[in-house]
N, C-alpha and C. Protein backbone atom coordinates (compact mmCIF):
# COMPACT_ATOMS: atom_id res chain seq x y z
N MET A 1 0.85 -1.19 0.00
CA MET A 1 0.00 0.00 0.00
C MET A 1 0.88 1.24 0.00
N ALA A 2 0.49 2.24 -0.77
CA ALA A 2 1.27 3.47 -0.89
C ALA A 2 1.27 4.25 0.43
N ILE A 3 2.28 5.08 0.60
CA ILE A 3 2.37 5.95 1.77
C ILE A 3 2.28 7.40 1.28
N VAL A 4 1.11 8.01 1.43
CA VAL A 4 0.92 9.40 1.03
C VAL A 4 0.76 10.25 2.29
N ASN A 5 1.11 11.53 2.20
CA ASN A 5 1.01 12.38 3.38
C ASN A 5 -0.46 12.65 3.72
N GLU A 6 -0.68 13.19 4.91
CA GLU A 6 -2.04 13.31 5.44
C GLU A 6 -2.93 14.19 4.59
N SER A 7 -2.42 15.32 4.12
CA SER A 7 -3.25 16.23 3.33
C SER A 7 -3.66 15.60 2.01
N ASN A 8 -2.76 14.87 1.38
CA ASN A 8 -3.10 14.19 0.13
C ASN A 8 -4.07 13.04 0.38
N LYS A 9 -3.87 12.36 1.49
CA LYS A 9 -4.76 11.25 1.84
C LYS A 9 -6.19 11.73 1.98
N ILE A 10 -6.38 12.91 2.57
CA ILE A 10 -7.72 13.46 2.76
C ILE A 10 -8.38 13.75 1.42
N GLU A 11 -7.60 14.18 0.44
CA GLU A 11 -8.17 14.42 -0.89
C GLU A 11 -8.67 13.11 -1.52
N PHE A 12 -7.93 12.05 -1.31
CA PHE A 12 -8.40 10.74 -1.79
C PHE A 12 -9.67 10.33 -1.04
N PHE A 13 -9.70 10.57 0.26
CA PHE A 13 -10.90 10.27 1.04
C PHE A 13 -12.10 11.04 0.49
N LYS A 14 -11.92 12.32 0.24
CA LYS A 14 -13.01 13.16 -0.24
C LYS A 14 -13.54 12.66 -1.58
N PHE A 15 -12.62 12.23 -2.45
CA PHE A 15 -13.06 11.71 -3.74
C PHE A 15 -13.87 10.43 -3.56
N LEU A 16 -13.37 9.52 -2.75
CA LEU A 16 -14.09 8.26 -2.51
C LEU A 16 -15.46 8.50 -1.91
N ASN A 17 -15.57 9.57 -1.12
CA ASN A 17 -16.82 9.88 -0.44
C ASN A 17 -17.77 10.72 -1.29
N GLY A 18 -17.33 11.10 -2.49
CA GLY A 18 -18.16 11.91 -3.37
C GLY A 18 -18.23 13.37 -2.98
N ASP A 19 -17.25 13.84 -2.19
CA ASP A 19 -17.27 15.22 -1.73
C ASP A 19 -16.65 16.19 -2.72
N ILE A 20 -15.88 15.69 -3.68
CA ILE A 20 -15.30 16.56 -4.71
C ILE A 20 -15.61 15.98 -6.09
N SER A 21 -15.69 16.84 -7.06
CA SER A 21 -16.04 16.42 -8.42
C SER A 21 -14.86 15.74 -9.09
N ILE A 22 -15.14 15.05 -10.18
CA ILE A 22 -14.09 14.37 -10.91
C ILE A 22 -13.11 15.38 -11.51
N SER A 23 -13.61 16.56 -11.90
CA SER A 23 -12.71 17.59 -12.45
C SER A 23 -11.79 18.14 -11.38
N ASP A 24 -12.31 18.34 -10.17
CA ASP A 24 -11.47 18.81 -9.06
C ASP A 24 -10.44 17.75 -8.69
N PHE A 25 -10.85 16.50 -8.73
CA PHE A 25 -9.90 15.42 -8.43
C PHE A 25 -8.82 15.33 -9.50
N GLU A 26 -9.20 15.52 -10.74
CA GLU A 26 -8.22 15.52 -11.83
C GLU A 26 -7.20 16.63 -11.62
N ASN A 27 -7.67 17.81 -11.23
CA ASN A 27 -6.75 18.92 -10.95
C ASN A 27 -5.81 18.59 -9.81
N PHE A 28 -6.34 17.95 -8.79
CA PHE A 28 -5.51 17.53 -7.65
C PHE A 28 -4.41 16.57 -8.10
N ILE A 29 -4.76 15.59 -8.92
CA ILE A 29 -3.80 14.60 -9.39
C ILE A 29 -2.67 15.25 -10.19
N TYR A 30 -3.03 16.13 -11.09
CA TYR A 30 -2.03 16.72 -11.98
C TYR A 30 -1.23 17.85 -11.33
N ASN A 31 -1.81 18.50 -10.32
CA ASN A 31 -1.14 19.64 -9.69
C ASN A 31 -0.36 19.28 -8.43
N THR A 32 -0.51 18.06 -7.96
CA THR A 32 0.18 17.63 -6.74
C THR A 32 1.40 16.82 -7.15
N THR A 33 2.49 17.51 -7.36
CA THR A 33 3.68 16.87 -7.94
C THR A 33 4.30 15.83 -7.03
N GLU A 34 4.13 15.97 -5.69
CA GLU A 34 4.78 15.02 -4.78
C GLU A 34 4.16 13.63 -4.84
N LEU A 35 2.99 13.51 -5.46
CA LEU A 35 2.38 12.19 -5.60
C LEU A 35 3.27 11.24 -6.39
N GLU A 36 4.02 11.78 -7.30
CA GLU A 36 4.89 10.93 -8.12
C GLU A 36 5.94 10.25 -7.25
N GLN A 37 6.38 10.92 -6.18
CA GLN A 37 7.35 10.33 -5.26
C GLN A 37 6.68 9.43 -4.23
N GLN A 38 5.44 9.74 -3.89
CA GLN A 38 4.75 9.00 -2.83
C GLN A 38 4.12 7.69 -3.33
N LEU A 39 3.86 7.63 -4.62
CA LEU A 39 3.21 6.44 -5.18
C LEU A 39 4.20 5.59 -5.97
N ASP A 40 3.91 4.31 -6.03
CA ASP A 40 4.67 3.42 -6.90
C ASP A 40 4.58 3.95 -8.34
N GLU A 41 5.66 3.81 -9.09
CA GLU A 41 5.72 4.37 -10.44
C GLU A 41 4.57 3.87 -11.31
N ASN A 42 4.30 2.58 -11.26
CA ASN A 42 3.23 2.01 -12.09
C ASN A 42 1.85 2.50 -11.67
N ILE A 43 1.66 2.64 -10.36
CA ILE A 43 0.38 3.13 -9.84
C ILE A 43 0.18 4.59 -10.23
N TYR A 44 1.21 5.37 -10.11
CA TYR A 44 1.12 6.78 -10.47
C TYR A 44 0.79 6.93 -11.96
N PHE A 45 1.46 6.14 -12.79
CA PHE A 45 1.21 6.20 -14.23
C PHE A 45 -0.22 5.79 -14.55
N GLU A 46 -0.70 4.75 -13.86
CA GLU A 46 -2.08 4.30 -14.08
C GLU A 46 -3.08 5.37 -13.67
N LEU A 47 -2.75 6.08 -12.60
CA LEU A 47 -3.62 7.13 -12.08
C LEU A 47 -3.75 8.28 -13.08
N ILE A 48 -2.63 8.77 -13.56
CA ILE A 48 -2.67 9.94 -14.45
C ILE A 48 -3.06 9.58 -15.88
N SER A 49 -3.04 8.29 -16.21
CA SER A 49 -3.37 7.87 -17.58
C SER A 49 -4.86 7.73 -17.81
N ASN A 50 -5.66 7.91 -16.78
CA ASN A 50 -7.10 7.76 -16.92
C ASN A 50 -7.70 8.85 -17.81
N ASP A 51 -8.73 8.48 -18.53
CA ASP A 51 -9.53 9.44 -19.26
C ASP A 51 -10.59 9.96 -18.30
N PHE A 52 -10.39 11.15 -17.78
CA PHE A 52 -11.26 11.67 -16.72
C PHE A 52 -12.65 12.08 -17.24
N LYS A 53 -12.85 11.99 -18.53
CA LYS A 53 -14.16 12.29 -19.10
C LYS A 53 -14.95 11.01 -19.40
N ASP A 54 -14.31 9.87 -19.21
CA ASP A 54 -14.99 8.60 -19.45
C ASP A 54 -16.07 8.37 -18.39
N LYS A 55 -17.21 7.83 -18.79
CA LYS A 55 -18.34 7.67 -17.87
C LYS A 55 -18.05 6.68 -16.74
N ASN A 56 -17.09 5.79 -16.95
CA ASN A 56 -16.77 4.79 -15.94
C ASN A 56 -15.54 5.13 -15.11
N VAL A 57 -15.04 6.34 -15.28
CA VAL A 57 -13.76 6.68 -14.64
C VAL A 57 -13.86 6.70 -13.12
N ILE A 58 -14.99 7.12 -12.56
CA ILE A 58 -15.12 7.20 -11.10
C ILE A 58 -15.02 5.81 -10.48
N THR A 59 -15.72 4.85 -11.08
CA THR A 59 -15.64 3.47 -10.58
C THR A 59 -14.23 2.92 -10.72
N ARG A 60 -13.61 3.16 -11.86
CA ARG A 60 -12.26 2.65 -12.11
C ARG A 60 -11.25 3.27 -11.14
N LEU A 61 -11.34 4.57 -10.93
CA LEU A 61 -10.42 5.24 -10.01
C LEU A 61 -10.66 4.79 -8.56
N SER A 62 -11.92 4.64 -8.19
CA SER A 62 -12.24 4.21 -6.82
C SER A 62 -11.65 2.84 -6.53
N ASN A 63 -11.78 1.94 -7.48
CA ASN A 63 -11.22 0.59 -7.30
C ASN A 63 -9.70 0.63 -7.19
N LEU A 64 -9.06 1.45 -8.03
CA LEU A 64 -7.60 1.57 -7.99
C LEU A 64 -7.14 2.16 -6.66
N ILE A 65 -7.81 3.21 -6.21
CA ILE A 65 -7.41 3.88 -4.97
C ILE A 65 -7.55 2.94 -3.78
N LYS A 66 -8.67 2.23 -3.70
CA LYS A 66 -8.89 1.32 -2.58
C LYS A 66 -7.93 0.13 -2.59
N LYS A 67 -7.52 -0.27 -3.78
CA LYS A 67 -6.63 -1.43 -3.90
C LYS A 67 -5.17 -1.06 -3.64
N GLU A 68 -4.74 0.12 -4.09
CA GLU A 68 -3.31 0.43 -4.12
C GLU A 68 -2.88 1.64 -3.29
N ILE A 69 -3.82 2.53 -2.93
CA ILE A 69 -3.38 3.80 -2.35
C ILE A 69 -3.92 4.02 -0.94
N ILE A 70 -5.20 3.78 -0.73
CA ILE A 70 -5.85 4.08 0.55
C ILE A 70 -6.35 2.79 1.20
N GLU A 71 -6.02 2.59 2.46
CA GLU A 71 -6.54 1.44 3.20
C GLU A 71 -8.02 1.67 3.48
N GLU A 72 -8.83 0.67 3.16
CA GLU A 72 -10.28 0.84 3.27
C GLU A 72 -10.72 1.11 4.70
N GLY A 73 -10.04 0.49 5.65
CA GLY A 73 -10.37 0.73 7.05
C GLY A 73 -10.14 2.17 7.45
N GLN A 74 -9.07 2.77 6.93
CA GLN A 74 -8.79 4.18 7.21
C GLN A 74 -9.86 5.07 6.60
N PHE A 75 -10.29 4.73 5.39
CA PHE A 75 -11.33 5.52 4.75
C PHE A 75 -12.64 5.43 5.53
N GLU A 76 -13.03 4.22 5.93
CA GLU A 76 -14.27 4.06 6.69
C GLU A 76 -14.20 4.80 8.03
N THR A 77 -13.02 4.81 8.64
CA THR A 77 -12.83 5.54 9.90
C THR A 77 -12.99 7.03 9.68
N TRP A 78 -12.33 7.55 8.65
CA TRP A 78 -12.42 8.98 8.31
C TRP A 78 -13.87 9.38 8.04
N LYS A 79 -14.56 8.55 7.25
CA LYS A 79 -15.94 8.84 6.88
C LYS A 79 -16.84 8.90 8.12
N LEU A 80 -16.66 7.95 9.02
CA LEU A 80 -17.46 7.93 10.25
C LEU A 80 -17.14 9.13 11.12
N ARG A 81 -15.87 9.48 11.24
CA ARG A 81 -15.48 10.62 12.06
C ARG A 81 -16.09 11.91 11.52
N GLN A 82 -16.16 12.06 10.20
CA GLN A 82 -16.75 13.26 9.61
C GLN A 82 -18.22 13.40 10.00
N VAL A 83 -18.96 12.29 9.96
CA VAL A 83 -20.38 12.34 10.31
C VAL A 83 -20.56 12.62 11.80
N LEU A 84 -19.76 11.98 12.63
CA LEU A 84 -19.88 12.20 14.08
C LEU A 84 -19.57 13.64 14.45
N LYS A 85 -18.52 14.21 13.86
CA LYS A 85 -18.16 15.60 14.16
C LYS A 85 -19.24 16.55 13.68
N ALA A 86 -19.82 16.26 12.52
CA ALA A 86 -20.89 17.10 12.01
C ALA A 86 -22.10 17.05 12.94
N LEU A 87 -22.45 15.85 13.39
CA LEU A 87 -23.60 15.70 14.30
C LEU A 87 -23.37 16.47 15.60
N ILE A 88 -22.18 16.38 16.13
CA ILE A 88 -21.86 17.05 17.39
C ILE A 88 -22.03 18.56 17.29
N ASN A 89 -21.69 19.12 16.14
CA ASN A 89 -21.65 20.58 15.98
C ASN A 89 -22.86 21.17 15.28
N ASP A 90 -23.78 20.34 14.81
CA ASP A 90 -24.89 20.86 14.00
C ASP A 90 -26.17 20.13 14.35
N SER A 91 -26.99 20.76 15.16
CA SER A 91 -28.24 20.13 15.58
C SER A 91 -29.32 20.20 14.50
N GLN A 92 -29.26 21.20 13.63
CA GLN A 92 -30.34 21.43 12.67
C GLN A 92 -30.41 20.37 11.58
N ASN A 93 -29.30 19.70 11.31
CA ASN A 93 -29.29 18.63 10.31
C ASN A 93 -29.20 17.25 10.96
N LEU A 94 -29.67 17.16 12.18
CA LEU A 94 -29.59 15.92 12.94
C LEU A 94 -30.19 14.72 12.20
N PRO A 95 -31.38 14.83 11.58
CA PRO A 95 -31.93 13.66 10.88
C PRO A 95 -31.02 13.15 9.76
N LEU A 96 -30.36 14.07 9.05
CA LEU A 96 -29.44 13.68 7.97
C LEU A 96 -28.30 12.84 8.51
N TYR A 97 -27.69 13.26 9.60
CA TYR A 97 -26.55 12.55 10.17
C TYR A 97 -26.98 11.20 10.76
N LEU A 98 -28.15 11.18 11.39
CA LEU A 98 -28.64 9.92 11.96
C LEU A 98 -28.95 8.91 10.86
N ASP A 99 -29.44 9.39 9.73
CA ASP A 99 -29.69 8.51 8.60
C ASP A 99 -28.39 7.87 8.11
N LYS A 100 -27.33 8.67 8.02
CA LYS A 100 -26.03 8.14 7.60
C LYS A 100 -25.50 7.13 8.62
N LEU A 101 -25.72 7.41 9.89
CA LEU A 101 -25.24 6.49 10.93
C LEU A 101 -26.08 5.21 10.97
N TYR A 102 -27.35 5.32 10.59
CA TYR A 102 -28.18 4.12 10.47
C TYR A 102 -27.61 3.20 9.39
N HIS A 103 -27.23 3.77 8.25
CA HIS A 103 -26.67 2.96 7.16
C HIS A 103 -25.31 2.38 7.55
N ALA A 104 -24.54 3.14 8.34
CA ALA A 104 -23.26 2.61 8.83
C ALA A 104 -23.49 1.48 9.82
N TYR A 105 -24.55 1.60 10.62
CA TYR A 105 -24.90 0.53 11.55
C TYR A 105 -25.27 -0.74 10.79
N CYS A 106 -26.01 -0.59 9.69
CA CYS A 106 -26.45 -1.74 8.89
C CYS A 106 -25.32 -2.36 8.09
N GLY A 107 -24.31 -1.56 7.70
CA GLY A 107 -23.18 -2.08 6.94
C GLY A 107 -23.40 -2.09 5.45
N ILE A 108 -22.42 -2.57 4.73
CA ILE A 108 -22.43 -2.62 3.27
C ILE A 108 -22.76 -4.03 2.83
N TYR A 109 -23.83 -4.17 2.09
CA TYR A 109 -24.29 -5.50 1.67
C TYR A 109 -23.31 -6.13 0.68
N GLN A 110 -23.00 -7.40 0.91
CA GLN A 110 -22.14 -8.16 0.02
C GLN A 110 -22.94 -9.33 -0.55
N ASP A 111 -22.93 -9.50 -1.83
CA ASP A 111 -23.70 -10.56 -2.47
C ASP A 111 -23.31 -11.92 -1.91
N LYS A 112 -24.31 -12.62 -1.32
CA LYS A 112 -24.13 -13.97 -0.78
C LYS A 112 -23.12 -14.03 0.38
N GLU A 113 -22.78 -12.90 0.94
CA GLU A 113 -21.86 -12.88 2.07
C GLU A 113 -22.43 -11.98 3.16
N LYS A 114 -21.84 -12.04 4.34
CA LYS A 114 -22.29 -11.15 5.40
C LYS A 114 -21.90 -9.72 5.07
N ARG A 115 -22.52 -8.79 5.73
CA ARG A 115 -22.27 -7.38 5.45
C ARG A 115 -20.88 -6.96 5.93
N LYS A 116 -20.29 -6.01 5.20
CA LYS A 116 -19.02 -5.41 5.60
C LYS A 116 -19.29 -4.13 6.38
N TYR A 117 -18.39 -3.82 7.28
CA TYR A 117 -18.47 -2.57 8.05
C TYR A 117 -19.84 -2.36 8.66
N GLN A 118 -20.33 -3.42 9.29
CA GLN A 118 -21.60 -3.36 10.02
C GLN A 118 -21.26 -2.89 11.44
N LEU A 119 -21.37 -1.58 11.67
CA LEU A 119 -20.86 -0.96 12.88
C LEU A 119 -21.93 -0.97 13.97
N LYS A 120 -22.01 -2.07 14.68
CA LYS A 120 -23.09 -2.27 15.64
C LYS A 120 -22.98 -1.35 16.86
N PHE A 121 -21.80 -0.79 17.07
CA PHE A 121 -21.63 0.13 18.21
C PHE A 121 -22.34 1.46 17.98
N LEU A 122 -22.93 1.65 16.80
CA LEU A 122 -23.66 2.88 16.48
C LEU A 122 -25.16 2.75 16.77
N ALA A 123 -25.58 1.69 17.44
CA ALA A 123 -27.01 1.41 17.62
C ALA A 123 -27.76 2.58 18.24
N ASN A 124 -27.22 3.19 19.29
CA ASN A 124 -27.93 4.27 19.98
C ASN A 124 -28.16 5.48 19.08
N LEU A 125 -27.32 5.64 18.08
CA LEU A 125 -27.47 6.75 17.14
C LEU A 125 -28.27 6.32 15.91
N GLY A 126 -27.83 5.27 15.25
CA GLY A 126 -28.46 4.85 14.01
C GLY A 126 -29.91 4.41 14.17
N LEU A 127 -30.18 3.63 15.19
CA LEU A 127 -31.54 3.12 15.37
C LEU A 127 -32.48 4.18 15.92
N ASN A 128 -31.94 5.23 16.51
CA ASN A 128 -32.80 6.31 16.96
C ASN A 128 -33.25 7.19 15.81
N TYR A 129 -32.69 6.96 14.64
CA TYR A 129 -33.27 7.58 13.43
C TYR A 129 -34.53 6.81 13.04
N ILE A 130 -34.42 5.51 12.96
CA ILE A 130 -35.54 4.67 12.55
C ILE A 130 -36.70 4.76 13.55
N TYR A 131 -36.38 4.76 14.85
CA TYR A 131 -37.43 4.73 15.87
C TYR A 131 -37.88 6.11 16.31
N TRP A 132 -37.50 7.11 15.55
CA TRP A 132 -37.86 8.46 15.99
C TRP A 132 -38.44 9.29 14.86
N ILE A 133 -37.70 9.47 13.75
CA ILE A 133 -38.13 10.43 12.74
C ILE A 133 -38.27 9.83 11.35
N ASP A 134 -38.10 8.54 11.23
CA ASP A 134 -38.29 7.89 9.93
C ASP A 134 -39.77 7.95 9.54
N GLU A 135 -40.03 8.36 8.30
CA GLU A 135 -41.41 8.58 7.86
C GLU A 135 -42.26 7.33 7.96
N ALA A 136 -41.72 6.18 7.53
CA ALA A 136 -42.49 4.94 7.57
C ALA A 136 -42.84 4.56 9.01
N TYR A 137 -41.88 4.74 9.92
CA TYR A 137 -42.14 4.43 11.33
C TYR A 137 -43.23 5.35 11.88
N MET A 138 -43.16 6.63 11.54
CA MET A 138 -44.15 7.58 12.03
C MET A 138 -45.55 7.23 11.54
N LYS A 139 -45.67 6.80 10.28
CA LYS A 139 -46.98 6.46 9.71
C LYS A 139 -47.59 5.25 10.41
N VAL A 140 -46.75 4.26 10.73
CA VAL A 140 -47.24 3.06 11.40
C VAL A 140 -47.70 3.38 12.82
N ASN A 141 -46.95 4.20 13.52
CA ASN A 141 -47.22 4.44 14.93
C ASN A 141 -48.20 5.56 15.21
N TYR A 142 -48.29 6.53 14.29
CA TYR A 142 -49.16 7.68 14.54
C TYR A 142 -50.33 7.76 13.58
N LYS A 143 -50.37 6.84 12.60
CA LYS A 143 -51.49 6.78 11.66
C LYS A 143 -51.75 8.16 11.02
N ASP A 144 -52.99 8.67 11.14
CA ASP A 144 -53.35 9.92 10.48
C ASP A 144 -52.64 11.13 11.09
N ARG A 145 -52.10 10.96 12.29
CA ARG A 145 -51.43 12.10 12.94
C ARG A 145 -49.93 12.15 12.65
N TRP A 146 -49.43 11.27 11.74
CA TRP A 146 -47.98 11.13 11.58
C TRP A 146 -47.30 12.43 11.15
N LYS A 147 -47.94 13.17 10.22
CA LYS A 147 -47.31 14.41 9.73
C LYS A 147 -47.22 15.45 10.83
N GLN A 148 -48.22 15.51 11.64
CA GLN A 148 -48.22 16.44 12.77
C GLN A 148 -47.09 16.11 13.75
N GLU A 149 -46.95 14.82 14.06
CA GLU A 149 -45.89 14.40 14.97
C GLU A 149 -44.51 14.58 14.34
N TYR A 150 -44.42 14.32 13.03
CA TYR A 150 -43.15 14.49 12.31
C TYR A 150 -42.70 15.95 12.37
N ASP A 151 -43.62 16.87 12.08
CA ASP A 151 -43.29 18.29 12.11
C ASP A 151 -42.93 18.74 13.52
N LYS A 152 -43.60 18.17 14.50
CA LYS A 152 -43.30 18.50 15.89
C LYS A 152 -41.86 18.09 16.25
N SER A 153 -41.46 16.92 15.75
CA SER A 153 -40.09 16.45 16.01
C SER A 153 -39.07 17.39 15.40
N LEU A 154 -39.34 17.86 14.19
CA LEU A 154 -38.41 18.77 13.51
C LEU A 154 -38.28 20.11 14.24
N GLN A 155 -39.33 20.48 14.96
CA GLN A 155 -39.30 21.74 15.70
C GLN A 155 -38.50 21.61 17.01
N ASN A 156 -38.19 20.38 17.38
CA ASN A 156 -37.50 20.15 18.66
C ASN A 156 -36.15 19.46 18.47
N LEU A 157 -35.48 19.76 17.35
CA LEU A 157 -34.22 19.10 17.04
C LEU A 157 -33.17 19.34 18.13
N GLU A 158 -33.11 20.54 18.66
CA GLU A 158 -32.11 20.83 19.68
C GLU A 158 -32.34 20.00 20.93
N PHE A 159 -33.60 19.78 21.29
CA PHE A 159 -33.94 18.96 22.45
C PHE A 159 -33.41 17.53 22.28
N TYR A 160 -33.62 16.97 21.09
CA TYR A 160 -33.15 15.60 20.82
C TYR A 160 -31.63 15.56 20.64
N HIS A 161 -31.10 16.63 20.07
CA HIS A 161 -29.65 16.70 19.85
C HIS A 161 -28.89 16.59 21.16
N GLN A 162 -29.39 17.25 22.19
CA GLN A 162 -28.71 17.22 23.49
C GLN A 162 -28.66 15.82 24.08
N GLN A 163 -29.61 14.97 23.72
CA GLN A 163 -29.61 13.60 24.21
C GLN A 163 -28.68 12.69 23.41
N LEU A 164 -28.59 12.94 22.10
CA LEU A 164 -27.82 12.06 21.22
C LEU A 164 -26.36 12.47 21.08
N LYS A 165 -26.08 13.73 21.29
CA LYS A 165 -24.71 14.25 21.15
C LYS A 165 -23.69 13.47 21.99
N PRO A 166 -23.99 13.14 23.27
CA PRO A 166 -23.00 12.39 24.07
C PRO A 166 -22.61 11.05 23.48
N PHE A 167 -23.53 10.37 22.79
CA PHE A 167 -23.20 9.08 22.16
C PHE A 167 -22.21 9.29 21.02
N ALA A 168 -22.41 10.35 20.25
CA ALA A 168 -21.48 10.67 19.16
C ALA A 168 -20.11 11.02 19.72
N GLU A 169 -20.08 11.78 20.79
CA GLU A 169 -18.81 12.16 21.41
C GLU A 169 -18.08 10.93 21.95
N GLU A 170 -18.83 10.00 22.51
CA GLU A 170 -18.21 8.79 23.06
C GLU A 170 -17.58 7.93 21.96
N VAL A 171 -18.29 7.75 20.86
CA VAL A 171 -17.75 6.95 19.76
C VAL A 171 -16.56 7.65 19.12
N LEU A 172 -16.66 8.96 18.93
CA LEU A 172 -15.54 9.71 18.34
C LEU A 172 -14.31 9.61 19.22
N SER A 173 -14.48 9.74 20.52
CA SER A 173 -13.36 9.60 21.44
C SER A 173 -12.76 8.20 21.39
N ALA A 174 -13.61 7.19 21.27
CA ALA A 174 -13.13 5.80 21.18
C ALA A 174 -12.31 5.58 19.91
N LEU A 175 -12.72 6.20 18.81
CA LEU A 175 -11.95 6.11 17.57
C LEU A 175 -10.60 6.81 17.72
N ASP A 176 -10.62 7.99 18.35
CA ASP A 176 -9.38 8.75 18.55
C ASP A 176 -8.40 7.99 19.44
N ASN A 177 -8.93 7.31 20.46
CA ASN A 177 -8.08 6.58 21.42
C ASN A 177 -7.80 5.15 20.99
N MET A 178 -8.34 4.77 19.82
CA MET A 178 -8.18 3.42 19.28
C MET A 178 -8.80 2.35 20.17
N ASP A 179 -9.83 2.75 20.93
CA ASP A 179 -10.64 1.77 21.64
C ASP A 179 -11.56 1.06 20.65
N ILE A 180 -11.81 1.74 19.53
CA ILE A 180 -12.48 1.13 18.38
C ILE A 180 -11.56 1.29 17.18
N VAL A 181 -11.27 0.19 16.50
CA VAL A 181 -10.40 0.23 15.32
C VAL A 181 -11.13 -0.45 14.17
N ILE A 182 -11.37 0.29 13.09
CA ILE A 182 -12.04 -0.27 11.92
C ILE A 182 -10.98 -0.87 11.00
N LEU A 183 -11.15 -2.12 10.63
CA LEU A 183 -10.13 -2.88 9.90
C LEU A 183 -10.40 -2.90 8.40
N ASN A 184 -9.39 -3.29 7.65
CA ASN A 184 -9.50 -3.31 6.19
C ASN A 184 -10.39 -4.44 5.66
N ASP A 185 -10.61 -5.47 6.46
CA ASP A 185 -11.36 -6.64 5.97
C ASP A 185 -12.86 -6.52 6.17
N GLY A 186 -13.31 -5.35 6.62
CA GLY A 186 -14.75 -5.15 6.80
C GLY A 186 -15.23 -5.38 8.22
N ASN A 187 -14.31 -5.73 9.12
CA ASN A 187 -14.64 -5.93 10.53
C ASN A 187 -14.08 -4.78 11.36
N TYR A 188 -14.25 -4.86 12.66
CA TYR A 188 -13.66 -3.86 13.54
C TYR A 188 -13.34 -4.50 14.89
N GLN A 189 -12.45 -3.86 15.61
CA GLN A 189 -12.12 -4.28 16.96
C GLN A 189 -12.65 -3.25 17.94
N ILE A 190 -13.19 -3.72 19.06
CA ILE A 190 -13.73 -2.82 20.07
C ILE A 190 -13.41 -3.40 21.45
N LYS A 191 -13.03 -2.55 22.38
CA LYS A 191 -12.71 -3.02 23.72
C LYS A 191 -13.96 -3.63 24.36
N ASP A 192 -13.75 -4.68 25.13
CA ASP A 192 -14.86 -5.44 25.71
C ASP A 192 -15.81 -4.56 26.51
N GLU A 193 -15.26 -3.67 27.32
CA GLU A 193 -16.09 -2.81 28.17
C GLU A 193 -16.99 -1.92 27.31
N LEU A 194 -16.45 -1.39 26.25
CA LEU A 194 -17.20 -0.52 25.36
C LEU A 194 -18.23 -1.32 24.57
N LYS A 195 -17.85 -2.52 24.17
CA LYS A 195 -18.76 -3.39 23.42
C LYS A 195 -20.00 -3.73 24.27
N SER A 196 -19.79 -4.07 25.52
CA SER A 196 -20.91 -4.44 26.39
C SER A 196 -21.82 -3.24 26.66
N LYS A 197 -21.25 -2.05 26.55
CA LYS A 197 -22.03 -0.83 26.80
C LYS A 197 -22.81 -0.39 25.57
N LEU A 198 -22.19 -0.48 24.39
CA LEU A 198 -22.78 0.09 23.17
C LEU A 198 -23.53 -0.93 22.31
N GLU A 199 -23.21 -2.21 22.45
CA GLU A 199 -23.80 -3.22 21.59
C GLU A 199 -24.78 -4.11 22.36
N THR A 200 -25.75 -3.48 22.98
CA THR A 200 -26.76 -4.22 23.74
C THR A 200 -28.03 -4.35 22.90
N ASP A 201 -28.95 -5.20 23.35
CA ASP A 201 -30.23 -5.37 22.65
C ASP A 201 -31.17 -4.19 22.87
N LYS A 202 -30.91 -3.41 23.90
CA LYS A 202 -31.80 -2.29 24.24
C LYS A 202 -31.09 -0.98 23.94
N ILE A 203 -31.62 -0.21 23.00
CA ILE A 203 -31.01 1.08 22.68
C ILE A 203 -31.60 2.16 23.57
N TYR A 204 -30.92 3.29 23.60
CA TYR A 204 -31.39 4.43 24.38
C TYR A 204 -32.75 4.90 23.86
N THR A 205 -33.68 5.13 24.79
CA THR A 205 -35.01 5.62 24.42
C THR A 205 -35.05 7.13 24.57
N LEU A 206 -35.31 7.82 23.46
CA LEU A 206 -35.35 9.28 23.50
C LEU A 206 -36.49 9.79 24.37
N GLU A 207 -36.21 10.82 25.13
CA GLU A 207 -37.26 11.54 25.84
C GLU A 207 -37.84 12.57 24.89
N HIS A 208 -39.14 12.84 25.01
CA HIS A 208 -39.79 13.82 24.16
C HIS A 208 -40.20 15.03 25.01
N PRO A 209 -40.25 16.19 24.40
CA PRO A 209 -40.63 17.38 25.17
C PRO A 209 -42.03 17.22 25.77
N LYS A 210 -42.23 17.74 26.94
CA LYS A 210 -43.53 17.68 27.56
C LYS A 210 -44.47 18.63 26.86
N SER A 211 -45.66 18.17 26.61
CA SER A 211 -46.66 18.99 25.88
C SER A 211 -47.06 20.20 26.72
């Protein structure tokens, strides 16, 4: 695996995450001269030889980057940290972040295999999206009143944010301290004490504002 410096690594992360356009990534590749020293000669040549206007270039580049340049576990860790930091600092987009954490909790489906990166330690965050503000859940539980209850929840995002923020801070701290380590093979390691605390059958039940 290549050894690139931290700032360049983040640009690769952003591309894999869809945060920058293919044209911006092309500019990064051609304008970052130190990549030629940081990457294997053949990998660097393969990278710059791509037709960046080809419709399949994003898939081709993503596969190359994950195979030769960026460790997948590092990318998944970076991606999770970005969502957790955003949730901690932004209460108004709380449903968006919880939706992303729900998908991280569920993992990446593999054909005829178990899911990769199924981050079960996110249950208190991810499942509180489904059991709180998910439209289908609201319709089943509130019937004709679902839209009223849904709008009420959106008006009280800060109230719910204060309850969920500590869980995000705890997971982010665990990642920083390597109490949770996301691996390249689609699994992760977690300290036993933290596992017993975060991976239980019973998730945190949100309190709702008093009427």
